[in-house]
Amino acid sequence: MSLRERDYDIIVAGGGLAGMIVASSAAHYSNELLRILVVDRNPLSVMGKKTMTGWICGDAVGKKSVEYMSKRIGINWEYPEIEHPVKGVIAYSPNHKTSVSFDGEGYMLNRKLLPQKQLKDAIERGIQVRDRVALRSLIIENNTVTGVEGEDLINKSVFRKSAKIVIDCTGVTSVLRTNLRIKSFIQTRIDRDDLEATGRYIYDFDTARKDDTFFHPDYCIIHLDQKLAPGGYGWVFPKGENKVNIGVGVQQRAFDLRNKEMGLRRDLKMLIDEYVHINPVIGNPRVANSEMDDGNGWGTWSVSVRRQNDCMVANGYMVVGDAAWMPKPLDAGGIGPAIIAATIAGRDAVEAIEANDTTEKELWKYNKDYVNDYGYKTAGLEVFRRMLQGLTNDQIDYGMKHFLSKMDVDKITDGEHPEFGTVNKVGMFIRGALNKKLAENLKCTASTNERLMQHYRNYPADPEHFLDWQKILHETLNDAFVKLS
């Protein structure tokens, strides 16, 4: 089947946040001339629903990411899809004696209402949306993706449509990526230890007492505590004066070890319930059930916490957002990276179609463009995350107090790896063998990050040089992981 014979120019698989931005970006860059179809398993009335329990997410996104999209493709969000503005993020050490403020304006989104805004924008741009279709597989011809296949959930019939490019935005467990049956550099499966189990409530509450270390209406709060959230962190993100998105993310292996060491049998919901219970500010918590939140008050989901997929294109196929493992390795924030990638992917897909060439080589530009704008920093943060997951609470307390400089905080604010330059200055005064080991590990992560960022700045311009580049990447990562173990 030639490119001209396809049903659509672009099929976007998945109508969540990333998928709708991809489609809108493609419509923008093609002056609404392309035939674009978004396919989602949800009814239009609940577009973007991630799990049976709702639109489960931490809901936070940086202002810069939203502006990135707005300036390029003219998509603007405001109230009520932007539910509450925040001034920044504050991270607290386990003993609450040290706090680090990351000054970066952002927004708390309403993930139930945002998809309706996105749907409206997409339809106004001439995009077709097909709901209640469960996609099962990609259509393959001559080592090229030429369409999608699945089940029409309304009449239980086969759904089959062809396209010049299929853009996969179906999430971290994407069956399309996992079962990709063509020759490709795309990594199809993720390591279990690179996933975090997360869950959260959206609560209305009464203020029991004031304590800014547990809730602040203007700041997203993060609690680092290996007993509270092994291998991850707890969060208290404000959605108003008396409304909160509160949850916990854990590395499952670390959580299992914690339960074994403490002689407990806790699941994630029990852990989150304990986290809510110890918060002295949140009194009489009630699952939010207004029209803005009905059906979205509680839920769990899995989030990737590694660098993005080493390669995100194949013949006729692109992956974006959670399907490409884009959430930030340090804090599992996925909205910002997805916005940036989706904006880029829509543009680069249009350029390939206009060139009448949707091969891996022509689509490769998307890899390079995303790495240049955002992805260059994620591998270093993956190394930093691995190091943090191995620390004790005492080490976290000590490190936050003694080793973070203003420059480091600025780096983290920009989503980059801190340099830990103070480690060398205080080296001879470090107390305790474990803290000296921590200092060495911090220097290791900083030096590894420098090498990784330079390596990503040299991301190959074409597929022919990819395997050599990837070999060096994996050798660098594995060397750091061994040193940090």
Protein backbone atom coordinates (compact mmCIF):
# COMPACT_ATOMS: atom_id res chain seq x y z
CA MET A 1 0.00 0.00 0.00
CA SER A 2 1.49 3.33 -1.05
CA LEU A 3 1.47 6.40 1.18
CA ARG A 4 -1.26 7.96 -0.97
CA GLU A 5 -3.62 5.02 -0.39
CA ARG A 6 -3.69 5.31 3.42
CA ASP A 7 -6.90 6.19 5.27
CA TYR A 8 -5.16 8.95 7.22
CA ASP A 9 -1.94 10.90 7.18
CA ILE A 10 -1.47 10.49 10.95
CA ILE A 11 -3.15 8.22 13.46
CA VAL A 12 -2.50 9.15 17.08
CA ALA A 13 -2.98 6.12 19.33
CA GLY A 14 -4.23 7.37 22.69
CA GLY A 15 -6.23 10.51 23.41
CA GLY A 16 -4.58 11.49 26.68
CA LEU A 17 -2.60 14.64 27.36
CA ALA A 18 0.30 13.78 25.04
CA GLY A 19 -1.85 12.37 22.26
CA MET A 20 -4.08 15.41 21.97
CA ILE A 21 -1.08 17.76 21.91
CA VAL A 22 0.59 15.69 19.18
CA ALA A 23 -2.53 15.87 17.07
CA SER A 24 -3.00 19.61 17.64
CA SER A 25 0.68 20.23 16.88
CA ALA A 26 0.46 18.31 13.61
CA ALA A 27 -2.68 20.21 12.61
CA HIS A 28 -0.96 23.50 13.42
CA TYR A 29 2.19 22.81 11.42
CA SER A 30 0.23 21.48 8.42
CA ASN A 31 -2.20 24.43 8.44
CA GLU A 32 -4.95 21.90 9.17
CA LEU A 33 -4.47 20.24 5.77
CA LEU A 34 -3.61 16.73 6.97
CA ARG A 35 -6.07 13.95 7.77
CA ILE A 36 -5.45 13.30 11.46
CA LEU A 37 -7.27 10.73 13.59
CA VAL A 38 -7.03 10.29 17.37
CA VAL A 39 -8.13 6.87 18.65
CA ASP A 40 -8.95 6.28 22.34
CA ARG A 41 -10.65 3.53 24.32
CA ASN A 42 -12.61 5.97 26.52
CA PRO A 43 -15.95 7.59 25.66
CA LEU A 44 -15.63 11.25 24.66
CA SER A 45 -17.17 12.30 27.98
CA VAL A 46 -14.23 10.84 29.92
CA MET A 47 -11.36 11.36 27.48
CA GLY A 48 -7.90 11.07 28.96
CA LYS A 49 -8.94 8.69 31.73
CA LYS A 50 -5.80 6.75 32.59
CA THR A 51 -7.18 3.89 34.69
CA MET A 52 -10.54 2.52 35.84
CA THR A 53 -10.22 4.73 38.95
CA GLY A 54 -9.71 8.02 37.11
CA TRP A 55 -7.26 10.52 35.66
CA ILE A 56 -4.58 9.50 38.14
CA CYS A 57 -1.66 11.92 38.28
CA GLY A 58 0.27 14.28 40.55
CA ASP A 59 -1.31 17.07 38.43
CA ALA A 60 1.72 19.41 38.66
CA VAL A 61 3.49 21.00 35.71
CA GLY A 62 6.03 23.79 35.35
CA LYS A 63 4.98 27.06 33.73
CA LYS A 64 7.89 26.89 31.27
CA SER A 65 6.62 23.65 29.73
CA VAL A 66 3.14 25.06 29.16
CA GLU A 67 4.66 28.20 27.63
CA TYR A 68 6.82 26.03 25.36
CA MET A 69 3.62 24.59 23.86
CA SER A 70 1.70 27.85 23.78
CA LYS A 71 4.40 29.81 21.95
CA ARG A 72 4.84 27.14 19.28
CA ILE A 73 1.37 25.83 18.50
CA GLY A 74 -1.01 28.36 20.05
CA ILE A 75 -2.61 26.07 22.63
CA ASN A 76 -3.47 28.02 25.78
CA TRP A 77 -4.76 26.68 29.09
CA GLU A 78 -6.51 28.64 31.83
CA TYR A 79 -9.03 28.06 34.61
CA PRO A 80 -10.65 25.54 35.17
CA GLU A 81 -8.20 23.17 33.43
CA ILE A 82 -5.50 25.06 35.33
CA GLU A 83 -6.98 24.64 38.78
CA HIS A 84 -4.40 26.33 40.99
CA PRO A 85 -1.10 28.23 40.45
CA VAL A 86 1.98 27.45 42.56
CA LYS A 87 5.17 29.41 43.17
CA GLY A 88 7.57 26.48 43.38
CA VAL A 89 8.55 23.24 45.09
CA ILE A 90 9.95 22.71 48.58
CA ALA A 91 11.69 19.43 49.46
CA TYR A 92 12.12 18.48 53.12
CA SER A 93 14.70 16.15 54.62
CA PRO A 94 13.44 13.15 56.64
CA ASN A 95 13.98 15.01 59.95
CA HIS A 96 12.30 18.17 58.54
CA LYS A 97 15.30 20.24 59.72
CA THR A 98 16.48 21.06 56.20
CA SER A 99 14.38 22.33 53.34
CA VAL A 100 15.36 23.16 49.78
CA SER A 101 13.19 25.55 47.78
CA PHE A 102 13.07 25.16 44.03
CA ASP A 103 11.72 28.45 42.78
CA GLY A 104 9.87 27.72 39.60
CA GLU A 105 6.32 28.82 38.91
CA GLY A 106 3.90 26.14 37.90
CA TYR A 107 0.33 24.95 37.80
CA MET A 108 -1.85 22.31 39.36
CA LEU A 109 -4.00 20.95 36.54
CA ASN A 110 -7.44 19.43 36.73
CA ARG A 111 -6.82 16.25 34.80
CA LYS A 112 -10.53 15.45 34.47
CA LEU A 113 -11.44 18.78 32.87
CA LEU A 114 -8.26 19.31 30.82
CA PRO A 115 -9.09 16.54 28.28
CA GLN A 116 -12.39 18.25 27.48
CA LYS A 117 -10.52 21.46 26.72
CA GLN A 118 -8.04 19.50 24.59
CA LEU A 119 -10.87 17.72 22.77
CA LYS A 120 -12.53 21.03 21.94
CA ASP A 121 -9.25 22.50 20.65
CA ALA A 122 -8.59 19.42 18.52
CA ILE A 123 -12.02 19.38 16.90
CA GLU A 124 -11.71 23.09 16.11
CA ARG A 125 -8.47 22.26 14.27
CA GLY A 126 -10.20 19.68 12.09
CA ILE A 127 -8.92 16.60 13.91
CA GLN A 128 -11.12 13.51 13.91
CA VAL A 129 -11.54 11.65 17.20
CA ARG A 130 -12.70 8.05 17.43
CA ASP A 131 -13.64 6.94 20.92
CA ARG A 132 -14.39 3.54 22.46
CA VAL A 133 -11.82 1.65 20.42
CA ALA A 134 -9.34 -0.70 22.11
CA LEU A 135 -6.20 -0.87 20.00
CA ARG A 136 -4.51 -4.26 20.06
CA SER A 137 -1.72 -4.16 17.49
CA LEU A 138 0.05 -2.34 14.72
CA ILE A 139 -0.45 -3.19 11.07
CA ILE A 140 2.90 -4.11 9.52
CA GLU A 141 3.88 -4.23 5.85
CA ASN A 142 7.43 -4.60 4.55
CA ASN A 143 9.04 -3.83 7.93
CA THR A 144 6.96 -0.65 8.19
CA VAL A 145 4.06 0.34 10.46
CA THR A 146 1.13 1.19 8.19
CA GLY A 147 -1.78 1.40 10.61
CA VAL A 148 -3.55 0.15 13.73
CA GLU A 149 -5.91 -2.66 14.52
CA GLY A 150 -8.21 -3.28 17.45
CA GLU A 151 -11.78 -3.68 18.61
CA ASP A 152 -14.67 -1.27 18.27
CA LEU A 153 -16.08 -1.53 21.80
CA ILE A 154 -19.51 -0.25 20.77
CA ASN A 155 -20.47 -2.92 18.24
CA LYS A 156 -17.73 -5.47 19.04
CA SER A 157 -16.36 -5.35 15.50
CA VAL A 158 -12.82 -5.17 14.14
CA PHE A 159 -11.35 -1.70 13.89
CA ARG A 160 -8.65 -1.36 11.25
CA LYS A 161 -7.28 1.89 9.81
CA SER A 162 -4.13 2.73 7.87
CA ALA A 163 -1.92 5.80 8.11
CA LYS A 164 1.35 7.20 6.85
CA ILE A 165 2.53 7.54 10.47
CA VAL A 166 1.23 6.04 13.71
CA ILE A 167 2.17 8.03 16.82
CA ASP A 168 1.93 5.94 19.97
CA CYS A 169 0.72 7.82 23.07
CA THR A 170 -0.89 4.85 24.83
CA GLY A 171 1.10 4.98 28.06
CA VAL A 172 3.89 3.21 29.88
CA THR A 173 2.45 -0.28 29.28
CA SER A 174 1.80 0.33 25.57
CA VAL A 175 0.97 -2.97 23.86
CA LEU A 176 1.85 -1.37 20.53
CA ARG A 177 5.43 -0.69 21.63
CA THR A 178 5.79 -3.89 23.66
CA ASN A 179 4.75 -6.04 20.69
CA LEU A 180 6.52 -4.04 17.98
CA ARG A 181 7.28 -6.63 15.28
CA ILE A 182 9.61 -4.77 12.95
CA LYS A 183 13.34 -4.23 12.93
CA SER A 184 13.91 -1.22 15.14
CA PHE A 185 16.18 0.36 17.74
CA ILE A 186 13.21 1.12 20.01
CA GLN A 187 13.48 -0.60 23.40
CA THR A 188 10.18 -2.44 23.80
CA ARG A 189 10.24 -3.43 27.51
CA ILE A 190 11.18 -1.59 30.68
CA ASP A 191 13.07 -2.97 33.67
CA ARG A 192 10.85 -3.44 36.74
CA ASP A 193 13.25 -1.39 38.88
CA ASP A 194 12.79 1.56 36.52
CA LEU A 195 9.11 1.78 37.47
CA GLU A 196 7.66 3.46 40.54
CA ALA A 197 4.36 2.38 42.07
CA THR A 198 2.45 5.55 42.87
CA GLY A 199 -0.94 6.48 44.27
CA ARG A 200 -2.75 9.56 45.46
CA TYR A 201 -5.91 11.06 46.89
CA ILE A 202 -7.52 14.36 45.98
CA TYR A 203 -8.94 15.57 49.28
CA ASP A 204 -10.95 18.47 50.57
CA PHE A 205 -9.97 19.01 54.20
CA ASP A 206 -10.28 21.18 57.28
CA THR A 207 -7.14 22.92 58.52
CA ALA A 208 -6.31 21.18 61.80
CA ARG A 209 -3.35 23.45 62.48
CA LYS A 210 -0.77 25.43 60.55
CA ASP A 211 2.51 23.75 59.64
CA ASP A 212 4.17 24.87 56.41
CA THR A 213 6.37 21.76 56.32
CA PHE A 214 3.25 19.64 55.73
CA PHE A 215 1.05 21.90 53.60
CA HIS A 216 1.38 25.29 51.96
CA PRO A 217 -1.23 26.66 49.52
CA ASP A 218 1.46 28.25 47.34
CA TYR A 219 4.07 25.47 47.17
CA CYS A 220 4.27 21.84 46.17
CA ILE A 221 5.85 19.95 49.08
CA ILE A 222 8.01 16.84 48.74
CA HIS A 223 9.00 14.66 51.70
CA LEU A 224 12.12 12.51 51.29
CA ASP A 225 11.93 9.65 53.75
CA GLN A 226 12.99 6.05 53.10
CA LYS A 227 10.66 4.70 55.82
CA LEU A 228 7.74 6.72 54.59
CA ALA A 229 8.36 6.23 50.85
CA PRO A 230 11.15 3.70 50.20
CA GLY A 231 12.97 4.44 46.97
CA GLY A 232 10.70 7.40 46.27
CA TYR A 233 9.00 10.28 48.06
CA GLY A 234 5.73 11.59 49.45
CA TRP A 235 4.05 14.68 48.06
CA VAL A 236 1.54 17.26 49.25
CA PHE A 237 0.51 19.41 46.28
CA PRO A 238 -2.03 22.21 46.91
CA LYS A 239 -5.13 22.57 44.76
CA GLY A 240 -6.48 25.42 46.86
CA GLU A 241 -6.53 26.66 50.45
CA ASN A 242 -8.23 23.47 51.66
CA LYS A 243 -7.78 21.05 48.80
CA VAL A 244 -4.80 18.80 48.15
CA ASN A 245 -3.34 16.16 45.87
CA ILE A 246 -1.49 13.94 48.35
CA GLY A 247 0.31 10.72 47.54
CA VAL A 248 3.36 8.50 47.67
CA GLY A 249 5.63 6.92 45.07
CA VAL A 250 7.83 3.92 45.90
CA GLN A 251 10.23 1.55 44.22
CA GLN A 252 8.49 -1.78 44.65
CA ARG A 253 11.67 -3.71 45.50
CA ALA A 254 12.60 -1.16 48.17
CA PHE A 255 9.03 -1.21 49.51
CA ASP A 256 9.08 -5.02 49.77
CA LEU A 257 12.42 -4.86 51.63
CA ARG A 258 11.07 -2.22 54.02
CA ASN A 259 8.05 -4.39 54.84
CA LYS A 260 10.30 -7.39 55.46
CA GLU A 261 12.70 -5.46 57.70
CA MET A 262 9.85 -3.94 59.72
CA GLY A 263 7.85 -7.17 59.89
CA LEU A 264 4.90 -5.51 58.17
CA ARG A 265 2.48 -6.44 55.44
CA ARG A 266 1.58 -3.09 53.93
CA ASP A 267 0.29 -2.36 50.46
CA LEU A 268 0.56 1.01 48.73
CA LYS A 269 -2.86 2.23 49.83
CA MET A 270 -2.06 1.48 53.48
CA LEU A 271 1.19 3.42 53.12
CA ILE A 272 -0.62 6.43 51.66
CA ASP A 273 -3.31 6.28 54.34
CA GLU A 274 -0.56 6.37 56.98
CA TYR A 275 1.02 9.36 55.21
CA VAL A 276 -2.26 11.26 55.29
CA HIS A 277 -2.84 10.32 58.93
CA ILE A 278 0.49 11.74 60.15
CA ASN A 279 -0.05 15.05 58.35
CA PRO A 280 -0.99 17.49 61.15
CA VAL A 281 -2.53 20.06 58.81
CA ILE A 282 -5.03 17.81 57.04
CA GLY A 283 -8.04 17.41 59.29
CA ASN A 284 -11.23 15.53 58.38
CA PRO A 285 -10.04 14.60 54.85
CA ARG A 286 -12.87 13.98 52.38
CA VAL A 287 -12.41 12.56 48.89
CA ALA A 288 -13.18 15.43 46.51
CA ASN A 289 -16.43 14.71 44.68
CA SER A 290 -17.52 18.00 43.11
CA GLU A 291 -18.23 18.06 39.38
CA MET A 292 -14.55 18.92 38.86
CA ASP A 293 -13.37 15.77 40.63
CA ASP A 294 -16.18 13.22 40.70
CA GLY A 295 -14.74 9.78 39.94
CA ASN A 296 -11.16 10.97 40.32
CA GLY A 297 -10.58 11.12 44.07
CA TRP A 298 -8.36 8.07 44.48
CA GLY A 299 -6.17 5.86 42.35
CA THR A 300 -2.82 4.20 41.68
CA TRP A 301 -0.61 3.94 38.61
CA SER A 302 2.91 3.04 37.50
CA VAL A 303 5.42 5.64 36.34
CA SER A 304 8.75 5.17 34.60
CA VAL A 305 11.75 6.82 36.28
CA ARG A 306 14.53 6.28 33.74
CA ARG A 307 15.77 8.26 30.75
CA GLN A 308 13.49 8.34 27.73
CA ASN A 309 13.67 5.43 25.30
CA ASP A 310 17.09 5.46 23.63
CA CYS A 311 15.31 5.54 20.25
CA MET A 312 11.73 6.73 19.69
CA VAL A 313 11.13 6.13 15.98
CA ALA A 314 10.83 3.27 13.50
CA ASN A 315 9.51 3.03 9.95
CA GLY A 316 6.10 4.74 10.09
CA TYR A 317 6.04 4.83 13.90
CA MET A 318 6.83 7.26 16.74
CA VAL A 319 6.45 7.02 20.53
CA VAL A 320 5.65 9.99 22.77
CA GLY A 321 5.04 10.67 26.47
CA ASP A 322 4.71 7.78 28.92
CA ALA A 323 4.88 5.32 26.03
CA ALA A 324 8.45 6.56 25.47
CA TRP A 325 9.27 6.53 29.23
CA MET A 326 9.55 10.32 29.41
CA PRO A 327 8.70 11.17 33.05
CA LYS A 328 11.64 12.79 34.82
CA PRO A 329 13.82 10.19 36.59
CA LEU A 330 14.23 12.33 39.71
CA ASP A 331 10.62 13.13 40.54
CA ALA A 332 8.53 11.08 38.05
CA GLY A 333 6.97 14.28 36.68
CA GLY A 334 5.67 13.34 33.25
CA ILE A 335 3.47 16.23 32.12
CA GLY A 336 6.27 18.67 31.22
CA PRO A 337 8.35 16.25 29.14
CA ALA A 338 5.20 14.98 27.40
CA ILE A 339 4.15 18.51 26.43
CA ILE A 340 7.58 19.25 24.94
CA ALA A 341 7.87 15.92 23.12
CA ALA A 342 4.33 16.05 21.75
CA THR A 343 4.83 19.56 20.41
CA ILE A 344 8.03 18.44 18.66
CA ALA A 345 6.61 15.13 17.39
CA GLY A 346 3.64 16.78 15.67
CA ARG A 347 5.94 19.16 13.80
CA ASP A 348 8.46 16.49 12.78
CA ALA A 349 5.73 14.11 11.63
CA VAL A 350 4.35 16.81 9.34
CA GLU A 351 7.81 17.46 7.88
CA ALA A 352 8.23 13.75 7.11
CA ILE A 353 4.84 13.55 5.40
CA GLU A 354 5.54 16.67 3.37
CA ALA A 355 8.81 15.07 2.28
CA ASN A 356 6.82 11.96 1.26
CA ASP A 357 9.17 9.87 3.41
CA THR A 358 8.09 8.31 6.71
CA THR A 359 10.99 5.93 7.12
CA GLU A 360 13.03 5.61 10.28
CA LYS A 361 15.76 7.74 8.74
CA GLU A 362 13.42 10.64 7.96
CA LEU A 363 11.65 10.45 11.34
CA TRP A 364 15.01 10.30 13.16
CA LYS A 365 14.95 14.08 13.48
CA TYR A 366 12.40 13.68 16.31
CA ASN A 367 14.99 11.78 18.38
CA LYS A 368 17.54 14.52 17.88
CA ASP A 369 15.14 17.42 18.42
CA TYR A 370 13.78 16.05 21.70
CA VAL A 371 17.26 15.28 23.02
CA ASN A 372 18.41 18.80 22.17
CA ASP A 373 15.44 20.52 23.82
CA TYR A 374 15.00 18.29 26.88
CA GLY A 375 16.25 14.71 26.75
CA TYR A 376 19.97 15.50 27.07
CA LYS A 377 19.68 15.76 30.88
CA THR A 378 17.63 12.68 31.73
CA ALA A 379 20.33 9.97 31.79
CA GLY A 380 22.34 11.89 34.41
CA LEU A 381 19.20 12.27 36.51
CA GLU A 382 18.64 8.52 36.21
CA VAL A 383 22.07 7.94 37.77
CA PHE A 384 21.26 10.47 40.53
CA ARG A 385 17.95 8.70 41.19
CA ARG A 386 19.69 5.34 41.51
CA MET A 387 22.08 6.84 44.05
CA LEU A 388 19.30 8.44 46.10
CA GLN A 389 17.38 5.18 46.29
CA GLY A 390 20.30 3.57 48.12
CA LEU A 391 20.64 6.23 50.85
CA THR A 392 19.56 6.00 54.46
CA ASN A 393 17.49 8.74 56.07
CA ASP A 394 20.57 9.87 58.03
CA GLN A 395 22.52 10.26 54.80
CA ILE A 396 19.71 12.25 53.20
CA ASP A 397 19.54 14.53 56.26
CA TYR A 398 23.32 15.07 56.19
CA GLY A 399 23.57 15.52 52.44
CA MET A 400 20.76 18.07 52.19
CA LYS A 401 22.25 20.07 55.05
CA HIS A 402 25.90 20.06 53.99
CA PHE A 403 26.24 19.30 50.29
CA LEU A 404 23.61 21.36 48.43
CA SER A 405 24.70 24.82 47.28
CA LYS A 406 22.59 27.60 45.79
CA MET A 407 23.98 26.62 42.38
CA ASP A 408 22.82 23.04 42.92
CA VAL A 409 19.33 24.23 43.81
CA ASP A 410 19.23 26.38 40.66
CA LYS A 411 20.25 23.36 38.61
CA ILE A 412 17.49 21.21 40.09
CA THR A 413 14.99 24.05 39.52
CA ASP A 414 15.85 23.85 35.81
CA GLY A 415 15.46 20.08 35.87
CA GLU A 416 19.18 19.45 35.64
CA HIS A 417 21.73 17.50 37.63
CA PRO A 418 23.37 19.35 40.58
CA GLU A 419 27.18 19.66 40.59
CA PHE A 420 27.79 19.16 44.34
CA GLY A 421 30.82 21.45 44.23
CA THR A 422 30.74 21.90 48.02
CA VAL A 423 31.70 18.25 48.54
CA ASN A 424 35.33 18.98 47.73
CA LYS A 425 35.39 22.04 50.00
CA VAL A 426 34.15 20.20 53.09
CA GLY A 427 35.71 16.84 52.32
CA MET A 428 38.12 16.60 55.25
CA PHE A 429 35.38 17.60 57.74
CA ILE A 430 32.81 14.99 56.73
CA ARG A 431 31.66 12.96 59.71
CA GLY A 432 31.15 9.21 59.51
CA ALA A 433 32.09 6.56 56.99
CA LEU A 434 28.62 6.47 55.43
CA ASN A 435 28.66 10.22 54.81
CA LYS A 436 32.12 9.99 53.26
CA LYS A 437 30.74 7.28 50.99
CA LEU A 438 27.84 9.61 50.19
CA ALA A 439 30.29 12.38 49.26
CA GLU A 440 32.14 10.03 46.92
CA ASN A 441 28.86 8.95 45.34
CA LEU A 442 27.77 12.55 44.82
CA LYS A 443 31.05 13.31 43.05
CA CYS A 444 30.54 10.18 40.95
CA THR A 445 27.04 11.22 39.90
CA ALA A 446 28.22 14.75 39.03
CA SER A 447 31.16 13.58 36.91
CA THR A 448 29.03 10.91 35.22
CA ASN A 449 26.39 13.50 34.44
CA GLU A 450 28.97 15.69 32.68
CA ARG A 451 29.97 12.78 30.46
CA LEU A 452 26.37 11.80 29.76
CA MET A 453 25.24 15.31 28.85
CA GLN A 454 28.15 15.65 26.43
CA HIS A 455 27.32 12.24 25.01
CA TYR A 456 23.69 13.23 24.43
CA ARG A 457 24.82 16.47 22.81
CA ASN A 458 26.44 14.12 20.28
CA TYR A 459 23.31 12.05 19.73
CA PRO A 460 23.68 10.53 16.25
CA ALA A 461 22.14 12.43 13.37
CA ASP A 462 21.11 9.22 11.61
CA PRO A 463 20.35 5.56 12.45
CA GLU A 464 23.62 4.31 10.97
CA HIS A 465 25.65 5.58 13.92
CA PHE A 466 23.15 4.75 16.66
CA LEU A 467 24.48 1.39 17.90
CA ASP A 468 27.96 2.78 18.52
CA TRP A 469 26.44 5.71 20.41
CA GLN A 470 24.15 3.44 22.44
CA LYS A 471 27.02 1.12 23.36
CA ILE A 472 28.94 4.00 24.95
CA LEU A 473 25.79 5.17 26.73
CA HIS A 474 25.15 1.79 28.34
CA GLU A 475 28.80 1.33 29.28
CA THR A 476 28.80 4.73 31.00
CA LEU A 477 25.56 4.00 32.86
CA ASN A 478 26.58 0.51 33.92
CA ASP A 479 29.96 1.74 35.15
CA ALA A 480 28.25 4.35 37.33
CA PHE A 481 25.69 1.88 38.67
CA VAL A 482 28.48 -0.50 39.72
CA LYS A 483 30.38 2.30 41.49
CA LEU A 484 27.25 3.42 43.32
CA SER A 485 26.18 -0.05 44.43
